[in-house]
Amino acid sequence: MSFTEGADAARLGAYCDAIVDRIKPILAGESPGVQRAVVCDLAAIWLACNRDTRGRAAGDRLREELLALHCRHVRELAEVYLGDADG
């Protein structure tokens, strides 16, 4: 399934949730350190695959922007999953 910019957020969310549901059993039972390493490796692969045809400096800027956006989204999602878990 492909999504373009402006794609329906609910549809994209459902698609991503289905992928996450397929990955969960693979990581289930692994230590937090192994889970962390897998997630970091996948994020690094994703980040490194984002290139800019204008050169390395432009690509570095793009990757910095994407990493900042990624971290912001991770924080937002963590809040959703935590809910009132800490009181």
PDB file of N, CA and C in Angstrom:
ATOM      1  N   MET A   1       0.853  -1.169   0.000  1.00  0.00           N
ATOM      2  CA  MET A   1       0.000   0.000   0.000  1.00  0.00           C
ATOM      3  C   MET A   1       0.897   1.229   0.000  1.00  0.00           C
ATOM      4  N   SER A   2       0.588   2.193  -0.830  1.00  0.00           N
ATOM      5  CA  SER A   2       1.384   3.414  -0.837  1.00  0.00           C
ATOM      6  C   SER A   2       0.540   4.575  -0.329  1.00  0.00           C
ATOM      7  N   PHE A   3       1.216   5.471   0.340  1.00  0.00           N
ATOM      8  CA  PHE A   3       0.563   6.668   0.865  1.00  0.00           C
ATOM      9  C   PHE A   3       1.305   7.869   0.330  1.00  0.00           C
ATOM     10  N   THR A   4       0.564   8.874  -0.046  1.00  0.00           N
ATOM     11  CA  THR A   4       1.170  10.104  -0.507  1.00  0.00           C
ATOM     12  C   THR A   4       0.963  11.165   0.552  1.00  0.00           C
ATOM     13  N   GLU A   5       1.653  12.264   0.404  1.00  0.00           N
ATOM     14  CA  GLU A   5       1.497  13.353   1.360  1.00  0.00           C
ATOM     15  C   GLU A   5       0.025  13.751   1.427  1.00  0.00           C
ATOM     16  N   GLY A   6      -0.478  13.946   2.618  1.00  0.00           N
ATOM     17  CA  GLY A   6      -1.869  14.303   2.798  1.00  0.00           C
ATOM     18  C   GLY A   6      -2.786  13.095   2.865  1.00  0.00           C
ATOM     19  N   ALA A   7      -2.189  11.903   2.914  1.00  0.00           N
ATOM     20  CA  ALA A   7      -3.009  10.684   2.988  1.00  0.00           C
ATOM     21  C   ALA A   7      -3.835  10.703   4.258  1.00  0.00           C
ATOM     22  N   ASP A   8      -4.930  10.018   4.217  1.00  0.00           N
ATOM     23  CA  ASP A   8      -5.826   9.937   5.367  1.00  0.00           C
ATOM     24  C   ASP A   8      -5.075   9.372   6.573  1.00  0.00           C
ATOM     25  N   ALA A   9      -5.008  10.141   7.654  1.00  0.00           N
ATOM     26  CA  ALA A   9      -4.235   9.761   8.840  1.00  0.00           C
ATOM     27  C   ALA A   9      -4.756   8.478   9.478  1.00  0.00           C
ATOM     28  N   ALA A  10      -6.048   8.292   9.503  1.00  0.00           N
ATOM     29  CA  ALA A  10      -6.617   7.088  10.115  1.00  0.00           C
ATOM     30  C   ALA A  10      -6.231   5.845   9.312  1.00  0.00           C
ATOM     31  N   ARG A  11      -6.259   5.963   7.998  1.00  0.00           N
ATOM     32  CA  ARG A  11      -5.888   4.840   7.141  1.00  0.00           C
ATOM     33  C   ARG A  11      -4.407   4.499   7.303  1.00  0.00           C
ATOM     34  N   LEU A  12      -3.571   5.520   7.345  1.00  0.00           N
ATOM     35  CA  LEU A  12      -2.148   5.314   7.552  1.00  0.00           C
ATOM     36  C   LEU A  12      -1.895   4.695   8.923  1.00  0.00           C
ATOM     37  N   GLY A  13      -2.588   5.199   9.945  1.00  0.00           N
ATOM     38  CA  GLY A  13      -2.435   4.657  11.292  1.00  0.00           C
ATOM     39  C   GLY A  13      -2.811   3.191  11.364  1.00  0.00           C
ATOM     40  N   ALA A  14      -3.899   2.820  10.730  1.00  0.00           N
ATOM     41  CA  ALA A  14      -4.334   1.418  10.722  1.00  0.00           C
ATOM     42  C   ALA A  14      -3.331   0.537   9.988  1.00  0.00           C
ATOM     43  N   TYR A  15      -2.791   1.028   8.893  1.00  0.00           N
ATOM     44  CA  TYR A  15      -1.799   0.281   8.131  1.00  0.00           C
ATOM     45  C   TYR A  15      -0.540   0.055   8.968  1.00  0.00           C
ATOM     46  N   CYS A  16      -0.069   1.115   9.629  1.00  0.00           N
ATOM     47  CA  CYS A  16       1.125   1.009  10.473  1.00  0.00           C
ATOM     48  C   CYS A  16       0.874   0.103  11.675  1.00  0.00           C
ATOM     49  N   ASP A  17      -0.303   0.199  12.271  1.00  0.00           N
ATOM     50  CA  ASP A  17      -0.648  -0.685  13.395  1.00  0.00           C
ATOM     51  C   ASP A  17      -0.587  -2.147  12.980  1.00  0.00           C
ATOM     52  N   ALA A  18      -1.019  -2.454  11.763  1.00  0.00           N
ATOM     53  CA  ALA A  18      -0.981  -3.835  11.279  1.00  0.00           C
ATOM     54  C   ALA A  18       0.461  -4.326  11.133  1.00  0.00           C
ATOM     55  N   ILE A  19       1.355  -3.464  10.681  1.00  0.00           N
ATOM     56  CA  ILE A  19       2.768  -3.837  10.575  1.00  0.00           C
ATOM     57  C   ILE A  19       3.355  -4.052  11.958  1.00  0.00           C
ATOM     58  N   VAL A  20       3.052  -3.144  12.888  1.00  0.00           N
ATOM     59  CA  VAL A  20       3.544  -3.283  14.259  1.00  0.00           C
ATOM     60  C   VAL A  20       3.050  -4.595  14.869  1.00  0.00           C
ATOM     61  N   ASP A  21       1.804  -4.956  14.610  1.00  0.00           N
ATOM     62  CA  ASP A  21       1.262  -6.218  15.133  1.00  0.00           C
ATOM     63  C   ASP A  21       2.023  -7.430  14.594  1.00  0.00           C
ATOM     64  N   ARG A  22       2.557  -7.333  13.388  1.00  0.00           N
ATOM     65  CA  ARG A  22       3.356  -8.434  12.834  1.00  0.00           C
ATOM     66  C   ARG A  22       4.751  -8.474  13.451  1.00  0.00           C
ATOM     67  N   ILE A  23       5.271  -7.330  13.871  1.00  0.00           N
ATOM     68  CA  ILE A  23       6.616  -7.253  14.445  1.00  0.00           C
ATOM     69  C   ILE A  23       6.626  -7.640  15.926  1.00  0.00           C
ATOM     70  N   LYS A  24       5.566  -7.317  16.653  1.00  0.00           N
ATOM     71  CA  LYS A  24       5.521  -7.570  18.103  1.00  0.00           C
ATOM     72  C   LYS A  24       5.911  -8.990  18.492  1.00  0.00           C
ATOM     73  N   PRO A  25       5.393 -10.035  17.822  1.00  0.00           N
ATOM     74  CA  PRO A  25       5.772 -11.397  18.227  1.00  0.00           C
ATOM     75  C   PRO A  25       7.266 -11.687  18.060  1.00  0.00           C
ATOM     76  N   ILE A  26       7.896 -11.016  17.118  1.00  0.00           N
ATOM     77  CA  ILE A  26       9.329 -11.226  16.910  1.00  0.00           C
ATOM     78  C   ILE A  26      10.124 -10.693  18.102  1.00  0.00           C
ATOM     79  N   LEU A  27       9.701  -9.566  18.646  1.00  0.00           N
ATOM     80  CA  LEU A  27      10.425  -8.945  19.762  1.00  0.00           C
ATOM     81  C   LEU A  27       9.950  -9.443  21.129  1.00  0.00           C
ATOM     82  N   ALA A  28       8.791 -10.074  21.168  1.00  0.00           N
ATOM     83  CA  ALA A  28       8.246 -10.552  22.444  1.00  0.00           C
ATOM     84  C   ALA A  28       9.236 -11.504  23.104  1.00  0.00           C
ATOM     85  N   GLY A  29       9.468 -11.297  24.379  1.00  0.00           N
ATOM     86  CA  GLY A  29      10.360 -12.167  25.133  1.00  0.00           C
ATOM     87  C   GLY A  29      11.820 -11.774  25.046  1.00  0.00           C
ATOM     88  N   GLU A  30      12.154 -10.881  24.146  1.00  0.00           N
ATOM     89  CA  GLU A  30      13.540 -10.401  24.073  1.00  0.00           C
ATOM     90  C   GLU A  30      13.771  -9.380  25.187  1.00  0.00           C
ATOM     91  N   SER A  31      14.997  -9.242  25.590  1.00  0.00           N
ATOM     92  CA  SER A  31      15.324  -8.283  26.642  1.00  0.00           C
ATOM     93  C   SER A  31      15.110  -6.857  26.136  1.00  0.00           C
ATOM     94  N   PRO A  32      14.905  -5.918  27.067  1.00  0.00           N
ATOM     95  CA  PRO A  32      14.782  -4.521  26.636  1.00  0.00           C
ATOM     96  C   PRO A  32      15.994  -4.046  25.832  1.00  0.00           C
ATOM     97  N   GLY A  33      17.177  -4.548  26.171  1.00  0.00           N
ATOM     98  CA  GLY A  33      18.379  -4.159  25.428  1.00  0.00           C
ATOM     99  C   GLY A  33      18.342  -4.622  23.986  1.00  0.00           C
ATOM    100  N   VAL A  34      17.873  -5.831  23.760  1.00  0.00           N
ATOM    101  CA  VAL A  34      17.754  -6.350  22.389  1.00  0.00           C
ATOM    102  C   VAL A  34      16.676  -5.566  21.642  1.00  0.00           C
ATOM    103  N   GLN A  35      15.545  -5.335  22.283  1.00  0.00           N
ATOM    104  CA  GLN A  35      14.477  -4.565  21.642  1.00  0.00           C
ATOM    105  C   GLN A  35      14.979  -3.176  21.266  1.00  0.00           C
ATOM    106  N   ARG A  36      15.692  -2.536  22.180  1.00  0.00           N
ATOM    107  CA  ARG A  36      16.233  -1.195  21.936  1.00  0.00           C
ATOM    108  C   ARG A  36      17.204  -1.224  20.751  1.00  0.00           C
ATOM    109  N   ALA A  37      18.065  -2.222  20.697  1.00  0.00           N
ATOM    110  CA  ALA A  37      19.037  -2.320  19.613  1.00  0.00           C
ATOM    111  C   ALA A  37      18.355  -2.514  18.259  1.00  0.00           C
ATOM    112  N   VAL A  38      17.315  -3.329  18.218  1.00  0.00           N
ATOM    113  CA  VAL A  38      16.588  -3.560  16.966  1.00  0.00           C
ATOM    114  C   VAL A  38      15.915  -2.273  16.494  1.00  0.00           C
ATOM    115  N   VAL A  39      15.239  -1.590  17.406  1.00  0.00           N
ATOM    116  CA  VAL A  39      14.560  -0.344  17.040  1.00  0.00           C
ATOM    117  C   VAL A  39      15.577   0.698  16.581  1.00  0.00           C
ATOM    118  N   CYS A  40      16.704   0.799  17.265  1.00  0.00           N
ATOM    119  CA  CYS A  40      17.745   1.760  16.868  1.00  0.00           C
ATOM    120  C   CYS A  40      18.313   1.422  15.490  1.00  0.00           C
ATOM    121  N   ASP A  41      18.544   0.147  15.238  1.00  0.00           N
ATOM    122  CA  ASP A  41      19.081  -0.262  13.947  1.00  0.00           C
ATOM    123  C   ASP A  41      18.101   0.073  12.819  1.00  0.00           C
ATOM    124  N   LEU A  42      16.825  -0.215  13.031  1.00  0.00           N
ATOM    125  CA  LEU A  42      15.823   0.109  12.015  1.00  0.00           C
ATOM    126  C   LEU A  42      15.738   1.613  11.779  1.00  0.00           C
ATOM    127  N   ALA A  43      15.791   2.397  12.850  1.00  0.00           N
ATOM    128  CA  ALA A  43      15.740   3.856  12.705  1.00  0.00           C
ATOM    129  C   ALA A  43      16.972   4.363  11.951  1.00  0.00           C
ATOM    130  N   ALA A  44      18.134   3.791  12.238  1.00  0.00           N
ATOM    131  CA  ALA A  44      19.355   4.212  11.547  1.00  0.00           C
ATOM    132  C   ALA A  44      19.296   3.876  10.060  1.00  0.00           C
ATOM    133  N   ILE A  45      18.780   2.706   9.740  1.00  0.00           N
ATOM    134  CA  ILE A  45      18.634   2.323   8.324  1.00  0.00           C
ATOM    135  C   ILE A  45      17.693   3.289   7.625  1.00  0.00           C
ATOM    136  N   TRP A  46      16.556   3.571   8.258  1.00  0.00           N
ATOM    137  CA  TRP A  46      15.589   4.507   7.675  1.00  0.00           C
ATOM    138  C   TRP A  46      16.235   5.875   7.463  1.00  0.00           C
ATOM    139  N   LEU A  47      16.940   6.364   8.477  1.00  0.00           N
ATOM    140  CA  LEU A  47      17.542   7.689   8.409  1.00  0.00           C
ATOM    141  C   LEU A  47      18.605   7.747   7.312  1.00  0.00           C
ATOM    142  N   ALA A  48      19.458   6.733   7.242  1.00  0.00           N
ATOM    143  CA  ALA A  48      20.537   6.724   6.256  1.00  0.00           C
ATOM    144  C   ALA A  48      20.017   6.637   4.824  1.00  0.00           C
ATOM    145  N   CYS A  49      18.829   6.081   4.652  1.00  0.00           N
ATOM    146  CA  CYS A  49      18.257   5.947   3.298  1.00  0.00           C
ATOM    147  C   CYS A  49      17.667   7.247   2.777  1.00  0.00           C
ATOM    148  N   ASN A  50      17.570   8.252   3.612  1.00  0.00           N
ATOM    149  CA  ASN A  50      17.052   9.548   3.180  1.00  0.00           C
ATOM    150  C   ASN A  50      18.223  10.380   2.668  1.00  0.00           C
ATOM    151  N   ARG A  51      18.241  10.574   1.380  1.00  0.00           N
ATOM    152  CA  ARG A  51      19.341  11.283   0.725  1.00  0.00           C
ATOM    153  C   ARG A  51      18.804  12.541   0.061  1.00  0.00           C
ATOM    154  N   ASP A  52      19.713  13.458  -0.239  1.00  0.00           N
ATOM    155  CA  ASP A  52      19.372  14.685  -0.952  1.00  0.00           C
ATOM    156  C   ASP A  52      20.301  14.794  -2.151  1.00  0.00           C
ATOM    157  N   THR A  53      19.734  14.983  -3.318  1.00  0.00           N
ATOM    158  CA  THR A  53      20.530  15.029  -4.547  1.00  0.00           C
ATOM    159  C   THR A  53      21.435  16.258  -4.624  1.00  0.00           C
ATOM    160  N   ARG A  54      21.230  17.216  -3.715  1.00  0.00           N
ATOM    161  CA  ARG A  54      22.066  18.428  -3.743  1.00  0.00           C
ATOM    162  C   ARG A  54      23.405  18.230  -3.051  1.00  0.00           C
ATOM    163  N   GLY A  55      23.645  17.047  -2.496  1.00  0.00           N
ATOM    164  CA  GLY A  55      24.946  16.791  -1.889  1.00  0.00           C
ATOM    165  C   GLY A  55      24.864  16.364  -0.445  1.00  0.00           C
ATOM    166  N   ARG A  56      26.037  16.018   0.102  1.00  0.00           N
ATOM    167  CA  ARG A  56      26.128  15.473   1.457  1.00  0.00           C
ATOM    168  C   ARG A  56      25.646  16.464   2.515  1.00  0.00           C
ATOM    169  N   ALA A  57      26.026  17.736   2.397  1.00  0.00           N
ATOM    170  CA  ALA A  57      25.629  18.731   3.405  1.00  0.00           C
ATOM    171  C   ALA A  57      24.109  18.868   3.448  1.00  0.00           C
ATOM    172  N   ALA A  58      23.483  18.902   2.278  1.00  0.00           N
ATOM    173  CA  ALA A  58      22.021  18.999   2.230  1.00  0.00           C
ATOM    174  C   ALA A  58      21.400  17.729   2.804  1.00  0.00           C
ATOM    175  N   GLY A  59      22.002  16.591   2.499  1.00  0.00           N
ATOM    176  CA  GLY A  59      21.510  15.328   3.056  1.00  0.00           C
ATOM    177  C   GLY A  59      21.641  15.286   4.564  1.00  0.00           C
ATOM    178  N   ASP A  60      22.752  15.788   5.076  1.00  0.00           N
ATOM    179  CA  ASP A  60      22.940  15.841   6.533  1.00  0.00           C
ATOM    180  C   ASP A  60      21.868  16.709   7.186  1.00  0.00           C
ATOM    181  N   ARG A  61      21.574  17.850   6.571  1.00  0.00           N
ATOM    182  CA  ARG A  61      20.521  18.740   7.116  1.00  0.00           C
ATOM    183  C   ARG A  61      19.164  18.038   7.083  1.00  0.00           C
ATOM    184  N   LEU A  62      18.869  17.370   5.970  1.00  0.00           N
ATOM    185  CA  LEU A  62      17.610  16.640   5.848  1.00  0.00           C
ATOM    186  C   LEU A  62      17.497  15.588   6.946  1.00  0.00           C
ATOM    187  N   ARG A  63      18.572  14.813   7.142  1.00  0.00           N
ATOM    188  CA  ARG A  63      18.536  13.765   8.166  1.00  0.00           C
ATOM    189  C   ARG A  63      18.388  14.341   9.568  1.00  0.00           C
ATOM    190  N   GLU A  64      19.005  15.484   9.847  1.00  0.00           N
ATOM    191  CA  GLU A  64      18.832  16.128  11.154  1.00  0.00           C
ATOM    192  C   GLU A  64      17.376  16.537  11.369  1.00  0.00           C
ATOM    193  N   GLU A  65      16.764  17.098  10.335  1.00  0.00           N
ATOM    194  CA  GLU A  65      15.361  17.500  10.426  1.00  0.00           C
ATOM    195  C   GLU A  65      14.462  16.280  10.634  1.00  0.00           C
ATOM    196  N   LEU A  66      14.731  15.222   9.876  1.00  0.00           N
ATOM    197  CA  LEU A  66      13.922  14.005  10.009  1.00  0.00           C
ATOM    198  C   LEU A  66      14.091  13.365  11.382  1.00  0.00           C
ATOM    199  N   LEU A  67      15.316  13.367  11.910  1.00  0.00           N
ATOM    200  CA  LEU A  67      15.550  12.789  13.227  1.00  0.00           C
ATOM    201  C   LEU A  67      14.818  13.584  14.304  1.00  0.00           C
ATOM    202  N   ALA A  68      14.838  14.903  14.205  1.00  0.00           N
ATOM    203  CA  ALA A  68      14.114  15.736  15.168  1.00  0.00           C
ATOM    204  C   ALA A  68      12.608  15.469  15.091  1.00  0.00           C
ATOM    205  N   LEU A  69      12.081  15.374  13.881  1.00  0.00           N
ATOM    206  CA  LEU A  69      10.658  15.076  13.694  1.00  0.00           C
ATOM    207  C   LEU A  69      10.331  13.691  14.246  1.00  0.00           C
ATOM    208  N   HIS A  70      11.190  12.726  13.962  1.00  0.00           N
ATOM    209  CA  HIS A  70      11.001  11.362  14.451  1.00  0.00           C
ATOM    210  C   HIS A  70      10.956  11.345  15.985  1.00  0.00           C
ATOM    211  N   CYS A  71      11.900  12.016  16.626  1.00  0.00           N
ATOM    212  CA  CYS A  71      11.937  12.052  18.095  1.00  0.00           C
ATOM    213  C   CYS A  71      10.679  12.698  18.665  1.00  0.00           C
ATOM    214  N   ARG A  72      10.206  13.747  18.019  1.00  0.00           N
ATOM    215  CA  ARG A  72       8.973  14.402  18.475  1.00  0.00           C
ATOM    216  C   ARG A  72       7.791  13.441  18.375  1.00  0.00           C
ATOM    217  N   HIS A  73       7.704  12.710  17.281  1.00  0.00           N
ATOM    218  CA  HIS A  73       6.602  11.752  17.113  1.00  0.00           C
ATOM    219  C   HIS A  73       6.703  10.607  18.116  1.00  0.00           C
ATOM    220  N   VAL A  74       7.921  10.139  18.381  1.00  0.00           N
ATOM    221  CA  VAL A  74       8.104   9.067  19.368  1.00  0.00           C
ATOM    222  C   VAL A  74       7.629   9.540  20.740  1.00  0.00           C
ATOM    223  N   ARG A  75       7.991  10.758  21.117  1.00  0.00           N
ATOM    224  CA  ARG A  75       7.538  11.298  22.413  1.00  0.00           C
ATOM    225  C   ARG A  75       6.019  11.390  22.473  1.00  0.00           C
ATOM    226  N   GLU A  76       5.405  11.860  21.395  1.00  0.00           N
ATOM    227  CA  GLU A  76       3.945  11.974  21.352  1.00  0.00           C
ATOM    228  C   GLU A  76       3.282  10.600  21.474  1.00  0.00           C
ATOM    229  N   LEU A  77       3.804   9.628  20.743  1.00  0.00           N
ATOM    230  CA  LEU A  77       3.238   8.282  20.804  1.00  0.00           C
ATOM    231  C   LEU A  77       3.452   7.648  22.175  1.00  0.00           C
ATOM    232  N   ALA A  78       4.599   7.897  22.780  1.00  0.00           N
ATOM    233  CA  ALA A  78       4.855   7.346  24.116  1.00  0.00           C
ATOM    234  C   ALA A  78       3.827   7.873  25.104  1.00  0.00           C
ATOM    235  N   GLU A  79       3.462   9.125  24.994  1.00  0.00           N
ATOM    236  CA  GLU A  79       2.439   9.701  25.881  1.00  0.00           C
ATOM    237  C   GLU A  79       1.102   9.004  25.677  1.00  0.00           C
ATOM    238  N   VAL A  80       0.779   8.698  24.436  1.00  0.00           N
ATOM    239  CA  VAL A  80      -0.472   7.989  24.141  1.00  0.00           C
ATOM    240  C   VAL A  80      -0.457   6.610  24.795  1.00  0.00           C
ATOM    241  N   TYR A  81       0.654   5.886  24.629  1.00  0.00           N
ATOM    242  CA  TYR A  81       0.736   4.530  25.174  1.00  0.00           C
ATOM    243  C   TYR A  81       0.848   4.520  26.707  1.00  0.00           C
ATOM    244  N   LEU A  82       1.477   5.535  27.261  1.00  0.00           N
ATOM    245  CA  LEU A  82       1.599   5.606  28.727  1.00  0.00           C
ATOM    246  C   LEU A  82       0.285   5.932  29.397  1.00  0.00           C
ATOM    247  N   GLY A  83      -0.485   6.833  28.780  1.00  0.00           N
ATOM    248  CA  GLY A  83      -1.745   7.246  29.395  1.00  0.00           C
ATOM    249  C   GLY A  83      -1.492   7.721  30.809  1.00  0.00           C
ATOM    250  N   ASP A  84      -2.157   7.105  31.755  1.00  0.00           N
ATOM    251  CA  ASP A  84      -1.987   7.457  33.167  1.00  0.00           C
ATOM    252  C   ASP A  84      -1.131   6.430  33.896  1.00  0.00           C
ATOM    253  N   ALA A  85      -0.250   5.738  33.201  1.00  0.00           N
ATOM    254  CA  ALA A  85       0.517   4.644  33.788  1.00  0.00           C
ATOM    255  C   ALA A  85       1.370   5.078  34.979  1.00  0.00           C
ATOM    256  N   ASP A  86       1.865   6.310  34.969  1.00  0.00           N
ATOM    257  CA  ASP A  86       2.725   6.763  36.057  1.00  0.00           C
ATOM    258  C   ASP A  86       1.973   7.558  37.110  1.00  0.00           C
ATOM    259  N   GLY A  87       0.677   7.505  37.067  1.00  0.00           N
ATOM    260  CA  GLY A  87      -0.094   8.171  38.116  1.00  0.00           C
ATOM    261  C   GLY A  87      -0.824   9.309  37.612  1.00  0.00           C
TER     262      GLY A  87
END
